[in-house]
Amino acid sequence: MPGIPETGDERSLREWVDRFSGHVARLEFAAAAAMMDPGVISFSTFRDVVEGVEQFVDAQWRRVWPTIEDFRLDSAGMRTTVSPDRLMAAVAVTWASTGFTEDQEPFDRPGRCTFVLIRDGLGGPWRGVQGHFSLYRGVPQQSFGRRPIPEG
């Protein structure tokens, strides 16, 4: 927020969000997965419940990320709350992206997401134990773009 100094926790959460955002934009599935807890849980466009990072990658990310472009999380506008022991945090953040119709016409594809993050100790790395993305109302639910998935 303007005029209010950012805490170290807020800074580390913003850095986490920015790093994750870059991995999505560059289709870096393994790097994004490494930021998650192996037991991460979520809801999915394609499955009611996703349990485990492998399912998150295969059942959601690989089916959506290659169909969109220009993905970016708005970390400047994110909202956070941190537990009293500072080992758990919740983040709410909006995003922007470009989707594509079946005729490959681009459309704005904005949305919002939440993450629950934990860490083993103060100063340690955050890892996602819950993540959920949803499009804003009225945004087409499917994008038909096809970007090649990088090796690795």
C-alpha atoms as a PDB file:
ATOM      1  CA  MET A   1       0.000   0.000   0.000  1.00  0.00           C
ATOM      2  CA  PRO A   2       1.312   3.470  -0.778  1.00  0.00           C
ATOM      3  CA  GLY A   3       3.068   5.128   2.119  1.00  0.00           C
ATOM      4  CA  ILE A   4       3.222   1.973   4.249  1.00  0.00           C
ATOM      5  CA  PRO A   5       6.609   0.260   4.360  1.00  0.00           C
ATOM      6  CA  GLU A   6       6.610  -3.308   3.132  1.00  0.00           C
ATOM      7  CA  THR A   7       7.628  -5.943   5.694  1.00  0.00           C
ATOM      8  CA  GLY A   8      10.206  -8.613   4.962  1.00  0.00           C
ATOM      9  CA  ASP A   9       7.407 -11.181   4.822  1.00  0.00           C
ATOM     10  CA  GLU A  10       5.450  -9.128   2.286  1.00  0.00           C
ATOM     11  CA  ARG A  11       8.587  -8.661   0.214  1.00  0.00           C
ATOM     12  CA  SER A  12       9.344 -12.389   0.215  1.00  0.00           C
ATOM     13  CA  LEU A  13       5.733 -13.178  -0.726  1.00  0.00           C
ATOM     14  CA  ARG A  14       5.843 -10.648  -3.575  1.00  0.00           C
ATOM     15  CA  GLU A  15       9.085 -12.205  -4.795  1.00  0.00           C
ATOM     16  CA  TRP A  16       7.444 -15.650  -4.677  1.00  0.00           C
ATOM     17  CA  VAL A  17       4.452 -14.392  -6.695  1.00  0.00           C
ATOM     18  CA  ASP A  18       6.691 -12.664  -9.266  1.00  0.00           C
ATOM     19  CA  ARG A  19       8.871 -15.765  -9.661  1.00  0.00           C
ATOM     20  CA  PHE A  20       5.819 -18.024 -10.085  1.00  0.00           C
ATOM     21  CA  SER A  21       4.309 -15.575 -12.601  1.00  0.00           C
ATOM     22  CA  GLY A  22       7.459 -15.723 -14.716  1.00  0.00           C
ATOM     23  CA  HIS A  23       7.448 -19.529 -14.685  1.00  0.00           C
ATOM     24  CA  VAL A  24       3.855 -19.553 -15.958  1.00  0.00           C
ATOM     25  CA  ALA A  25       4.628 -17.037 -18.705  1.00  0.00           C
ATOM     26  CA  ARG A  26       7.664 -19.043 -19.857  1.00  0.00           C
ATOM     27  CA  LEU A  27       5.939 -22.472 -19.530  1.00  0.00           C
ATOM     28  CA  GLU A  28       8.483 -23.568 -16.924  1.00  0.00           C
ATOM     29  CA  PHE A  29       6.461 -26.382 -15.381  1.00  0.00           C
ATOM     30  CA  ALA A  30       9.278 -27.990 -13.383  1.00  0.00           C
ATOM     31  CA  ALA A  31      10.443 -24.694 -11.900  1.00  0.00           C
ATOM     32  CA  ALA A  32       6.869 -23.760 -10.913  1.00  0.00           C
ATOM     33  CA  ALA A  33       6.301 -27.246  -9.463  1.00  0.00           C
ATOM     34  CA  ALA A  34       9.428 -26.852  -7.330  1.00  0.00           C
ATOM     35  CA  MET A  35       7.746 -23.853  -5.678  1.00  0.00           C
ATOM     36  CA  MET A  36       4.878 -26.065  -4.506  1.00  0.00           C
ATOM     37  CA  ASP A  37       4.628 -28.536  -1.675  1.00  0.00           C
ATOM     38  CA  PRO A  38       4.468 -32.143  -2.945  1.00  0.00           C
ATOM     39  CA  GLY A  39       1.028 -32.458  -1.309  1.00  0.00           C
ATOM     40  CA  VAL A  40      -0.470 -29.232  -2.750  1.00  0.00           C
ATOM     41  CA  ILE A  41      -4.262 -29.258  -3.124  1.00  0.00           C
ATOM     42  CA  SER A  42      -6.490 -27.313  -5.464  1.00  0.00           C
ATOM     43  CA  PHE A  43      -9.594 -27.239  -7.586  1.00  0.00           C
ATOM     44  CA  SER A  44      -9.171 -27.474 -11.335  1.00  0.00           C
ATOM     45  CA  THR A  45     -10.834 -26.556 -14.592  1.00  0.00           C
ATOM     46  CA  PHE A  46     -10.638 -30.191 -15.613  1.00  0.00           C
ATOM     47  CA  ARG A  47     -10.945 -32.055 -12.280  1.00  0.00           C
ATOM     48  CA  ASP A  48     -12.998 -31.343  -9.185  1.00  0.00           C
ATOM     49  CA  VAL A  49     -10.069 -31.747  -6.805  1.00  0.00           C
ATOM     50  CA  VAL A  50      -6.360 -31.920  -7.534  1.00  0.00           C
ATOM     51  CA  GLU A  51      -4.062 -33.485  -4.943  1.00  0.00           C
ATOM     52  CA  GLY A  52      -0.297 -33.486  -5.339  1.00  0.00           C
ATOM     53  CA  VAL A  53       2.030 -31.395  -7.423  1.00  0.00           C
ATOM     54  CA  GLU A  54       2.198 -33.944 -10.270  1.00  0.00           C
ATOM     55  CA  GLN A  55      -1.585 -33.788 -10.711  1.00  0.00           C
ATOM     56  CA  PHE A  56      -1.484 -30.000 -10.511  1.00  0.00           C
ATOM     57  CA  VAL A  57       1.044 -29.912 -13.357  1.00  0.00           C
ATOM     58  CA  ASP A  58      -0.544 -32.610 -15.518  1.00  0.00           C
ATOM     59  CA  ALA A  59      -4.259 -32.051 -14.866  1.00  0.00           C
ATOM     60  CA  GLN A  60      -4.197 -28.252 -14.987  1.00  0.00           C
ATOM     61  CA  TRP A  61      -1.025 -26.400 -15.899  1.00  0.00           C
ATOM     62  CA  ARG A  62      -0.074 -28.389 -19.014  1.00  0.00           C
ATOM     63  CA  ARG A  63      -3.646 -28.079 -20.280  1.00  0.00           C
ATOM     64  CA  VAL A  64      -3.946 -24.299 -19.793  1.00  0.00           C
ATOM     65  CA  TRP A  65      -0.595 -22.520 -19.863  1.00  0.00           C
ATOM     66  CA  PRO A  66       0.316 -23.406 -23.486  1.00  0.00           C
ATOM     67  CA  THR A  67      -3.041 -22.001 -24.687  1.00  0.00           C
ATOM     68  CA  ILE A  68      -2.485 -18.477 -23.318  1.00  0.00           C
ATOM     69  CA  GLU A  69       0.059 -15.698 -23.706  1.00  0.00           C
ATOM     70  CA  ASP A  70       1.197 -12.600 -21.826  1.00  0.00           C
ATOM     71  CA  PHE A  71       0.441 -14.077 -18.388  1.00  0.00           C
ATOM     72  CA  ARG A  72       1.365 -11.880 -15.432  1.00  0.00           C
ATOM     73  CA  LEU A  73       0.302 -11.805 -11.813  1.00  0.00           C
ATOM     74  CA  ASP A  74      -0.235  -8.280 -10.460  1.00  0.00           C
ATOM     75  CA  SER A  75       2.004  -8.532  -7.408  1.00  0.00           C
ATOM     76  CA  ALA A  76       1.839  -4.755  -6.912  1.00  0.00           C
ATOM     77  CA  GLY A  77      -1.854  -5.074  -6.082  1.00  0.00           C
ATOM     78  CA  MET A  78      -1.753  -8.346  -4.149  1.00  0.00           C
ATOM     79  CA  ARG A  79      -3.141  -8.716  -0.655  1.00  0.00           C
ATOM     80  CA  THR A  80      -1.561 -10.905   1.999  1.00  0.00           C
ATOM     81  CA  THR A  81      -2.095 -12.143   5.495  1.00  0.00           C
ATOM     82  CA  VAL A  82       0.602 -13.853   7.527  1.00  0.00           C
ATOM     83  CA  SER A  83       0.089 -16.146  10.527  1.00  0.00           C
ATOM     84  CA  PRO A  84       1.342 -14.951  13.943  1.00  0.00           C
ATOM     85  CA  ASP A  85       4.271 -17.409  13.800  1.00  0.00           C
ATOM     86  CA  ARG A  86       5.044 -16.133  10.248  1.00  0.00           C
ATOM     87  CA  LEU A  87       5.254 -19.688   8.860  1.00  0.00           C
ATOM     88  CA  MET A  88       1.988 -19.577   6.877  1.00  0.00           C
ATOM     89  CA  ALA A  89       0.577 -16.932   4.571  1.00  0.00           C
ATOM     90  CA  ALA A  90      -2.379 -16.410   2.277  1.00  0.00           C
ATOM     91  CA  VAL A  91      -2.052 -14.381  -0.898  1.00  0.00           C
ATOM     92  CA  ALA A  92      -4.835 -13.008  -3.093  1.00  0.00           C
ATOM     93  CA  VAL A  93      -3.708 -11.610  -6.434  1.00  0.00           C
ATOM     94  CA  THR A  94      -5.228 -10.793  -9.804  1.00  0.00           C
ATOM     95  CA  TRP A  95      -3.762 -11.679 -13.166  1.00  0.00           C
ATOM     96  CA  ALA A  96      -3.935 -10.703 -16.815  1.00  0.00           C
ATOM     97  CA  SER A  97      -3.383 -12.903 -19.843  1.00  0.00           C
ATOM     98  CA  THR A  98      -4.370 -13.252 -23.472  1.00  0.00           C
ATOM     99  CA  GLY A  99      -6.581 -16.137 -24.557  1.00  0.00           C
ATOM    100  CA  PHE A 100      -7.484 -17.240 -28.064  1.00  0.00           C
ATOM    101  CA  THR A 101     -10.780 -18.207 -29.678  1.00  0.00           C
ATOM    102  CA  GLU A 102     -11.043 -21.326 -31.850  1.00  0.00           C
ATOM    103  CA  ASP A 103     -10.304 -18.992 -34.808  1.00  0.00           C
ATOM    104  CA  GLN A 104      -7.150 -17.817 -33.007  1.00  0.00           C
ATOM    105  CA  GLU A 105      -8.555 -14.353 -32.318  1.00  0.00           C
ATOM    106  CA  PRO A 106      -7.018 -12.943 -29.104  1.00  0.00           C
ATOM    107  CA  PHE A 107      -9.151 -11.885 -26.151  1.00  0.00           C
ATOM    108  CA  ASP A 108      -8.399 -10.450 -22.715  1.00  0.00           C
ATOM    109  CA  ARG A 109      -8.332 -13.264 -20.153  1.00  0.00           C
ATOM    110  CA  PRO A 110      -8.150 -11.700 -16.669  1.00  0.00           C
ATOM    111  CA  GLY A 111      -8.694 -13.508 -13.411  1.00  0.00           C
ATOM    112  CA  ARG A 112      -7.747 -13.852  -9.774  1.00  0.00           C
ATOM    113  CA  CYS A 113      -6.069 -16.454  -7.639  1.00  0.00           C
ATOM    114  CA  THR A 114      -5.257 -17.375  -4.099  1.00  0.00           C
ATOM    115  CA  PHE A 115      -2.299 -19.218  -2.669  1.00  0.00           C
ATOM    116  CA  VAL A 116      -1.697 -20.611   0.783  1.00  0.00           C
ATOM    117  CA  LEU A 117       2.039 -20.782   1.413  1.00  0.00           C
ATOM    118  CA  ILE A 118       4.084 -22.311   4.210  1.00  0.00           C
ATOM    119  CA  ARG A 119       7.727 -22.355   5.144  1.00  0.00           C
ATOM    120  CA  ASP A 120       9.708 -24.425   7.621  1.00  0.00           C
ATOM    121  CA  GLY A 121      11.457 -21.510   9.282  1.00  0.00           C
ATOM    122  CA  LEU A 122      11.703 -17.733   9.197  1.00  0.00           C
ATOM    123  CA  GLY A 123      13.747 -16.715   6.207  1.00  0.00           C
ATOM    124  CA  GLY A 124      13.154 -20.085   4.567  1.00  0.00           C
ATOM    125  CA  PRO A 125      11.556 -20.467   1.149  1.00  0.00           C
ATOM    126  CA  TRP A 126       7.783 -20.346   0.808  1.00  0.00           C
ATOM    127  CA  ARG A 127       6.061 -23.285  -0.867  1.00  0.00           C
ATOM    128  CA  GLY A 128       2.480 -23.520  -2.047  1.00  0.00           C
ATOM    129  CA  VAL A 129       0.178 -25.940  -0.236  1.00  0.00           C
ATOM    130  CA  GLN A 130      -2.973 -24.618  -1.901  1.00  0.00           C
ATOM    131  CA  GLY A 131      -3.580 -22.686  -5.079  1.00  0.00           C
ATOM    132  CA  HIS A 132      -6.741 -21.755  -6.931  1.00  0.00           C
ATOM    133  CA  PHE A 133      -7.195 -19.721 -10.107  1.00  0.00           C
ATOM    134  CA  SER A 134     -10.494 -18.449 -11.460  1.00  0.00           C
ATOM    135  CA  LEU A 135     -11.397 -16.266 -14.403  1.00  0.00           C
ATOM    136  CA  TYR A 136     -13.482 -13.151 -13.933  1.00  0.00           C
ATOM    137  CA  ARG A 137     -17.174 -13.507 -14.724  1.00  0.00           C
ATOM    138  CA  GLY A 138     -17.942 -13.324 -18.428  1.00  0.00           C
ATOM    139  CA  VAL A 139     -14.458 -14.368 -19.592  1.00  0.00           C
ATOM    140  CA  PRO A 140     -14.505 -17.340 -21.986  1.00  0.00           C
ATOM    141  CA  GLN A 141     -13.612 -20.494 -20.075  1.00  0.00           C
ATOM    142  CA  GLN A 142     -11.429 -21.976 -22.773  1.00  0.00           C
ATOM    143  CA  SER A 143      -8.495 -20.695 -24.782  1.00  0.00           C
ATOM    144  CA  PHE A 144      -7.384 -22.415 -27.981  1.00  0.00           C
ATOM    145  CA  GLY A 145      -3.905 -20.999 -28.459  1.00  0.00           C
ATOM    146  CA  ARG A 146      -1.129 -23.526 -28.998  1.00  0.00           C
ATOM    147  CA  ARG A 147       2.391 -22.611 -27.952  1.00  0.00           C
ATOM    148  CA  PRO A 148       5.101 -25.246 -28.133  1.00  0.00           C
ATOM    149  CA  ILE A 149       6.111 -26.570 -24.729  1.00  0.00           C
ATOM    150  CA  PRO A 150       9.849 -26.097 -24.089  1.00  0.00           C
ATOM    151  CA  GLU A 151      11.945 -29.176 -23.387  1.00  0.00           C
ATOM    152  CA  GLY A 152      12.743 -29.933 -19.746  1.00  0.00           C
END
